[in-house]
Amino acid sequence: MQDHENNFTAEQCCNKMKRFICKYKEIKDYNGRSGNTPKQWQYYQEMADYIGDRPGITPIASCSSLSASQTVTRKTSKPCEEKHKAEKESEVANQLRKEFVSVVLQELKC
């Protein structure tokens, strides 16, 4: 982080993160719809790396009422894959969080 002082409250930082998450969800939903021209956002990939496949962002299961029979899609993975993913996330997560907080703090200065 830079040497100068940042005068932001925890609430301000939390609100900024909430806005970033909402923006990410909005763009992810929009880009997931068929026929839409993909939207771009400079922080999209960083947010995707930070948030990942959390159930609040990418549902574990979804149902459709468009057909006569109800279809349920579930994500499944093997325990080894989940363990590997968790290990990888823990290694990368701290660095991404530090970088992301730095970007958010710089953004709040505007």
N, C-alpha and C. Protein backbone atom coordinates (compact mmCIF):
# COMPACT_ATOMS: atom_id res chain seq x y z
N MET A 1 0.84 -1.17 0.00
CA MET A 1 0.00 0.00 0.00
C MET A 1 0.89 1.23 0.00
N GLN A 2 0.38 2.33 -0.42
CA GLN A 2 1.18 3.55 -0.51
C GLN A 2 1.38 4.16 0.87
N ASP A 3 2.36 5.07 0.96
CA ASP A 3 2.73 5.65 2.24
C ASP A 3 1.75 6.72 2.75
N HIS A 4 0.97 7.31 1.88
CA HIS A 4 0.07 8.37 2.33
C HIS A 4 -1.11 7.81 3.11
N GLU A 5 -1.70 8.67 3.92
CA GLU A 5 -2.79 8.25 4.79
C GLU A 5 -4.12 8.23 4.05
N ASN A 6 -4.93 7.24 4.34
CA ASN A 6 -6.28 7.14 3.78
C ASN A 6 -7.26 7.37 4.91
N ASN A 7 -8.19 8.26 4.69
CA ASN A 7 -9.16 8.60 5.73
C ASN A 7 -10.54 8.06 5.34
N PHE A 8 -10.66 6.74 5.31
CA PHE A 8 -11.92 6.11 4.99
C PHE A 8 -12.38 5.28 6.17
N THR A 9 -13.66 5.33 6.42
CA THR A 9 -14.21 4.52 7.50
C THR A 9 -14.45 3.10 6.99
N ALA A 10 -14.62 2.20 7.92
CA ALA A 10 -14.93 0.81 7.55
C ALA A 10 -16.26 0.76 6.81
N GLU A 11 -17.20 1.59 7.22
CA GLU A 11 -18.50 1.63 6.56
C GLU A 11 -18.38 2.07 5.10
N GLN A 12 -17.53 3.07 4.84
CA GLN A 12 -17.33 3.53 3.47
C GLN A 12 -16.73 2.42 2.61
N CYS A 13 -15.75 1.72 3.15
CA CYS A 13 -15.12 0.62 2.41
C CYS A 13 -16.13 -0.51 2.16
N CYS A 14 -16.93 -0.81 3.17
CA CYS A 14 -17.94 -1.86 3.04
C CYS A 14 -18.97 -1.48 1.97
N ASN A 15 -19.42 -0.24 1.97
CA ASN A 15 -20.38 0.22 0.97
C ASN A 15 -19.79 0.15 -0.43
N LYS A 16 -18.52 0.51 -0.56
CA LYS A 16 -17.86 0.44 -1.87
C LYS A 16 -17.82 -1.01 -2.36
N MET A 17 -17.48 -1.93 -1.48
CA MET A 17 -17.44 -3.34 -1.86
C MET A 17 -18.83 -3.83 -2.26
N LYS A 18 -19.86 -3.41 -1.53
CA LYS A 18 -21.23 -3.80 -1.87
C LYS A 18 -21.60 -3.30 -3.26
N ARG A 19 -21.21 -2.06 -3.59
CA ARG A 19 -21.50 -1.52 -4.91
C ARG A 19 -20.74 -2.30 -6.00
N PHE A 20 -19.49 -2.66 -5.71
CA PHE A 20 -18.71 -3.44 -6.67
C PHE A 20 -19.36 -4.81 -6.89
N ILE A 21 -19.81 -5.44 -5.83
CA ILE A 21 -20.45 -6.76 -5.95
C ILE A 21 -21.75 -6.65 -6.74
N CYS A 22 -22.54 -5.62 -6.46
CA CYS A 22 -23.79 -5.42 -7.21
C CYS A 22 -23.52 -5.19 -8.69
N LYS A 23 -22.51 -4.38 -8.98
CA LYS A 23 -22.14 -4.11 -10.37
C LYS A 23 -21.70 -5.40 -11.05
N TYR A 24 -20.90 -6.20 -10.36
CA TYR A 24 -20.44 -7.47 -10.92
C TYR A 24 -21.63 -8.39 -11.21
N LYS A 25 -22.55 -8.52 -10.24
CA LYS A 25 -23.73 -9.37 -10.44
C LYS A 25 -24.55 -8.89 -11.64
N GLU A 26 -24.74 -7.58 -11.72
CA GLU A 26 -25.52 -7.00 -12.81
C GLU A 26 -24.91 -7.35 -14.17
N ILE A 27 -23.60 -7.17 -14.30
CA ILE A 27 -22.93 -7.45 -15.56
C ILE A 27 -22.92 -8.94 -15.86
N LYS A 28 -22.68 -9.76 -14.83
CA LYS A 28 -22.67 -11.22 -15.03
C LYS A 28 -24.04 -11.70 -15.49
N ASP A 29 -25.11 -11.22 -14.87
CA ASP A 29 -26.46 -11.60 -15.28
C ASP A 29 -26.75 -11.14 -16.71
N TYR A 30 -26.40 -9.89 -17.01
CA TYR A 30 -26.64 -9.33 -18.33
C TYR A 30 -25.90 -10.12 -19.40
N ASN A 31 -24.63 -10.39 -19.15
CA ASN A 31 -23.82 -11.13 -20.12
C ASN A 31 -24.25 -12.58 -20.26
N GLY A 32 -24.93 -13.12 -19.27
CA GLY A 32 -25.40 -14.50 -19.31
C GLY A 32 -26.66 -14.69 -20.13
N ARG A 33 -27.33 -13.60 -20.48
CA ARG A 33 -28.56 -13.69 -21.27
C ARG A 33 -28.22 -13.80 -22.75
N SER A 34 -28.92 -14.67 -23.40
CA SER A 34 -28.70 -14.89 -24.83
C SER A 34 -29.09 -13.66 -25.63
N GLY A 35 -28.27 -13.32 -26.61
CA GLY A 35 -28.59 -12.21 -27.50
C GLY A 35 -28.07 -10.86 -27.06
N ASN A 36 -27.57 -10.75 -25.85
CA ASN A 36 -27.05 -9.48 -25.37
C ASN A 36 -25.61 -9.28 -25.82
N THR A 37 -25.28 -8.05 -26.18
CA THR A 37 -23.89 -7.71 -26.44
C THR A 37 -23.20 -7.62 -25.09
N PRO A 38 -22.09 -8.33 -24.92
CA PRO A 38 -21.44 -8.35 -23.60
C PRO A 38 -21.02 -6.96 -23.12
N LYS A 39 -21.29 -6.69 -21.86
CA LYS A 39 -20.85 -5.45 -21.23
C LYS A 39 -19.44 -5.64 -20.72
N GLN A 40 -18.66 -4.58 -20.70
CA GLN A 40 -17.29 -4.60 -20.20
C GLN A 40 -17.21 -3.75 -18.93
N TRP A 41 -16.31 -4.11 -18.03
CA TRP A 41 -16.06 -3.34 -16.80
C TRP A 41 -14.62 -3.59 -16.41
N GLN A 42 -13.90 -2.55 -16.07
CA GLN A 42 -12.47 -2.68 -15.80
C GLN A 42 -12.15 -3.58 -14.62
N TYR A 43 -13.09 -3.76 -13.68
CA TYR A 43 -12.84 -4.58 -12.50
C TYR A 43 -13.52 -5.95 -12.58
N TYR A 44 -14.08 -6.29 -13.74
CA TYR A 44 -14.85 -7.53 -13.84
C TYR A 44 -14.02 -8.76 -13.50
N GLN A 45 -12.85 -8.90 -14.09
CA GLN A 45 -12.04 -10.10 -13.86
C GLN A 45 -11.56 -10.17 -12.41
N GLU A 46 -11.18 -9.03 -11.83
CA GLU A 46 -10.76 -9.03 -10.43
C GLU A 46 -11.90 -9.47 -9.52
N MET A 47 -13.10 -8.99 -9.81
CA MET A 47 -14.26 -9.39 -9.01
C MET A 47 -14.58 -10.87 -9.22
N ALA A 48 -14.45 -11.36 -10.44
CA ALA A 48 -14.70 -12.78 -10.71
C ALA A 48 -13.71 -13.64 -9.93
N ASP A 49 -12.46 -13.21 -9.88
CA ASP A 49 -11.45 -13.95 -9.12
C ASP A 49 -11.73 -13.88 -7.63
N TYR A 50 -12.18 -12.73 -7.16
CA TYR A 50 -12.44 -12.53 -5.73
C TYR A 50 -13.68 -13.28 -5.27
N ILE A 51 -14.76 -13.18 -6.05
CA ILE A 51 -16.04 -13.77 -5.65
C ILE A 51 -16.11 -15.25 -6.00
N GLY A 52 -15.62 -15.61 -7.17
CA GLY A 52 -15.65 -17.02 -7.58
C GLY A 52 -17.06 -17.51 -7.84
N ASP A 53 -17.33 -18.74 -7.41
CA ASP A 53 -18.63 -19.37 -7.63
C ASP A 53 -19.46 -19.40 -6.36
N ARG A 54 -19.48 -18.33 -5.63
CA ARG A 54 -20.29 -18.29 -4.41
C ARG A 54 -21.76 -18.45 -4.79
N PRO A 55 -22.53 -19.17 -3.97
CA PRO A 55 -23.94 -19.42 -4.29
C PRO A 55 -24.77 -18.16 -4.49
N GLY A 56 -24.43 -17.08 -3.83
CA GLY A 56 -25.17 -15.83 -4.00
C GLY A 56 -24.96 -15.20 -5.36
N ILE A 57 -23.88 -15.59 -6.03
CA ILE A 57 -23.55 -15.05 -7.34
C ILE A 57 -23.90 -16.05 -8.43
N THR A 58 -23.41 -17.28 -8.29
CA THR A 58 -23.68 -18.35 -9.24
C THR A 58 -24.43 -19.45 -8.49
N PRO A 59 -25.74 -19.58 -8.68
CA PRO A 59 -26.52 -20.55 -7.92
C PRO A 59 -26.01 -21.98 -8.07
N ILE A 60 -26.10 -22.73 -6.98
CA ILE A 60 -25.72 -24.14 -6.99
C ILE A 60 -26.70 -24.94 -7.83
N ALA A 61 -27.97 -24.58 -7.76
CA ALA A 61 -29.00 -25.27 -8.53
C ALA A 61 -29.95 -24.25 -9.12
N SER A 62 -30.52 -24.59 -10.26
CA SER A 62 -31.52 -23.72 -10.86
C SER A 62 -32.63 -24.57 -11.45
N CYS A 63 -33.83 -24.02 -11.47
CA CYS A 63 -34.99 -24.73 -12.01
C CYS A 63 -35.58 -23.91 -13.14
N SER A 64 -36.17 -24.58 -14.06
CA SER A 64 -36.79 -23.91 -15.18
C SER A 64 -38.25 -24.32 -15.27
N SER A 65 -39.12 -23.37 -15.56
CA SER A 65 -40.54 -23.69 -15.74
C SER A 65 -40.93 -23.54 -17.20
N LEU A 66 -39.96 -23.46 -18.09
CA LEU A 66 -40.25 -23.25 -19.50
C LEU A 66 -40.73 -24.51 -20.21
N SER A 67 -40.36 -25.68 -19.70
CA SER A 67 -40.77 -26.91 -20.36
C SER A 67 -41.81 -27.63 -19.50
N ALA A 68 -42.41 -28.67 -20.09
CA ALA A 68 -43.42 -29.43 -19.36
C ALA A 68 -42.81 -30.15 -18.16
N SER A 69 -41.61 -30.62 -18.30
CA SER A 69 -40.95 -31.29 -17.17
C SER A 69 -39.95 -30.34 -16.53
N GLN A 70 -39.96 -30.33 -15.24
CA GLN A 70 -39.06 -29.44 -14.51
C GLN A 70 -37.65 -30.02 -14.55
N THR A 71 -36.69 -29.17 -14.91
CA THR A 71 -35.31 -29.62 -14.95
C THR A 71 -34.52 -28.93 -13.85
N VAL A 72 -33.67 -29.68 -13.23
CA VAL A 72 -32.81 -29.13 -12.18
C VAL A 72 -31.37 -29.39 -12.58
N THR A 73 -30.58 -28.36 -12.55
CA THR A 73 -29.16 -28.48 -12.86
C THR A 73 -28.39 -28.29 -11.58
N ARG A 74 -27.53 -29.23 -11.27
CA ARG A 74 -26.70 -29.13 -10.07
C ARG A 74 -25.24 -29.23 -10.47
N LYS A 75 -24.44 -28.42 -9.82
CA LYS A 75 -23.00 -28.52 -10.02
C LYS A 75 -22.49 -29.63 -9.12
N THR A 76 -21.73 -30.52 -9.68
CA THR A 76 -21.12 -31.57 -8.87
C THR A 76 -19.64 -31.61 -9.18
N SER A 77 -18.87 -31.91 -8.18
CA SER A 77 -17.44 -32.09 -8.38
C SER A 77 -16.94 -33.10 -7.38
N LYS A 78 -15.84 -33.68 -7.67
CA LYS A 78 -15.26 -34.69 -6.81
C LYS A 78 -14.59 -34.01 -5.62
N PRO A 79 -14.51 -34.70 -4.48
CA PRO A 79 -13.86 -34.12 -3.29
C PRO A 79 -12.44 -33.65 -3.55
N CYS A 80 -11.68 -34.36 -4.37
CA CYS A 80 -10.30 -33.95 -4.67
C CYS A 80 -10.28 -32.62 -5.41
N GLU A 81 -11.22 -32.45 -6.34
CA GLU A 81 -11.29 -31.20 -7.07
C GLU A 81 -11.65 -30.05 -6.14
N GLU A 82 -12.57 -30.30 -5.21
CA GLU A 82 -12.95 -29.26 -4.25
C GLU A 82 -11.79 -28.89 -3.35
N LYS A 83 -11.03 -29.89 -2.90
CA LYS A 83 -9.88 -29.62 -2.04
C LYS A 83 -8.83 -28.82 -2.80
N HIS A 84 -8.55 -29.22 -4.03
CA HIS A 84 -7.56 -28.51 -4.85
C HIS A 84 -8.00 -27.07 -5.08
N LYS A 85 -9.28 -26.90 -5.37
CA LYS A 85 -9.81 -25.56 -5.61
C LYS A 85 -9.68 -24.70 -4.36
N ALA A 86 -9.99 -25.26 -3.20
CA ALA A 86 -9.89 -24.53 -1.93
C ALA A 86 -8.45 -24.13 -1.64
N GLU A 87 -7.51 -25.04 -1.89
CA GLU A 87 -6.10 -24.73 -1.66
C GLU A 87 -5.63 -23.61 -2.59
N LYS A 88 -6.02 -23.70 -3.83
CA LYS A 88 -5.63 -22.68 -4.81
C LYS A 88 -6.23 -21.33 -4.43
N GLU A 89 -7.50 -21.34 -4.02
CA GLU A 89 -8.16 -20.10 -3.62
C GLU A 89 -7.49 -19.47 -2.41
N SER A 90 -7.10 -20.29 -1.43
CA SER A 90 -6.49 -19.74 -0.23
C SER A 90 -5.14 -19.11 -0.54
N GLU A 91 -4.39 -19.67 -1.48
CA GLU A 91 -3.11 -19.10 -1.86
C GLU A 91 -3.28 -17.78 -2.59
N VAL A 92 -4.22 -17.74 -3.50
CA VAL A 92 -4.42 -16.58 -4.34
C VAL A 92 -5.29 -15.52 -3.67
N ALA A 93 -6.17 -15.96 -2.80
CA ALA A 93 -7.17 -15.06 -2.22
C ALA A 93 -6.55 -13.90 -1.46
N ASN A 94 -5.57 -14.16 -0.64
CA ASN A 94 -4.96 -13.09 0.14
C ASN A 94 -4.34 -12.03 -0.76
N GLN A 95 -3.63 -12.45 -1.79
CA GLN A 95 -3.01 -11.49 -2.71
C GLN A 95 -4.08 -10.69 -3.45
N LEU A 96 -5.12 -11.37 -3.93
CA LEU A 96 -6.19 -10.68 -4.64
C LEU A 96 -6.91 -9.69 -3.75
N ARG A 97 -7.15 -10.08 -2.50
CA ARG A 97 -7.83 -9.18 -1.58
C ARG A 97 -7.00 -7.92 -1.34
N LYS A 98 -5.70 -8.10 -1.14
CA LYS A 98 -4.83 -6.95 -0.93
C LYS A 98 -4.85 -6.01 -2.13
N GLU A 99 -4.72 -6.59 -3.32
CA GLU A 99 -4.75 -5.78 -4.54
C GLU A 99 -6.10 -5.11 -4.71
N PHE A 100 -7.17 -5.84 -4.43
CA PHE A 100 -8.51 -5.29 -4.62
C PHE A 100 -8.78 -4.15 -3.65
N VAL A 101 -8.39 -4.32 -2.39
CA VAL A 101 -8.57 -3.26 -1.40
C VAL A 101 -7.80 -2.03 -1.83
N SER A 102 -6.60 -2.21 -2.36
CA SER A 102 -5.81 -1.09 -2.83
C SER A 102 -6.53 -0.36 -3.96
N VAL A 103 -7.11 -1.12 -4.89
CA VAL A 103 -7.85 -0.52 -6.01
C VAL A 103 -9.08 0.22 -5.49
N VAL A 104 -9.80 -0.38 -4.55
CA VAL A 104 -11.00 0.25 -3.99
C VAL A 104 -10.63 1.55 -3.29
N LEU A 105 -9.58 1.53 -2.52
CA LEU A 105 -9.16 2.74 -1.82
C LEU A 105 -8.76 3.83 -2.80
N GLN A 106 -8.09 3.47 -3.88
CA GLN A 106 -7.73 4.46 -4.90
C GLN A 106 -8.99 5.00 -5.56
N GLU A 107 -9.96 4.14 -5.80
CA GLU A 107 -11.22 4.55 -6.42
C GLU A 107 -11.99 5.52 -5.52
N LEU A 108 -11.94 5.29 -4.21
CA LEU A 108 -12.65 6.15 -3.27
C LEU A 108 -12.05 7.55 -3.20
N LYS A 109 -10.82 7.71 -3.60
CA LYS A 109 -10.17 9.02 -3.56
C LYS A 109 -10.76 9.98 -4.58
N CYS A 110 -11.38 9.46 -5.63
CA CYS A 110 -11.92 10.31 -6.70
C CYS A 110 -13.03 11.19 -6.22
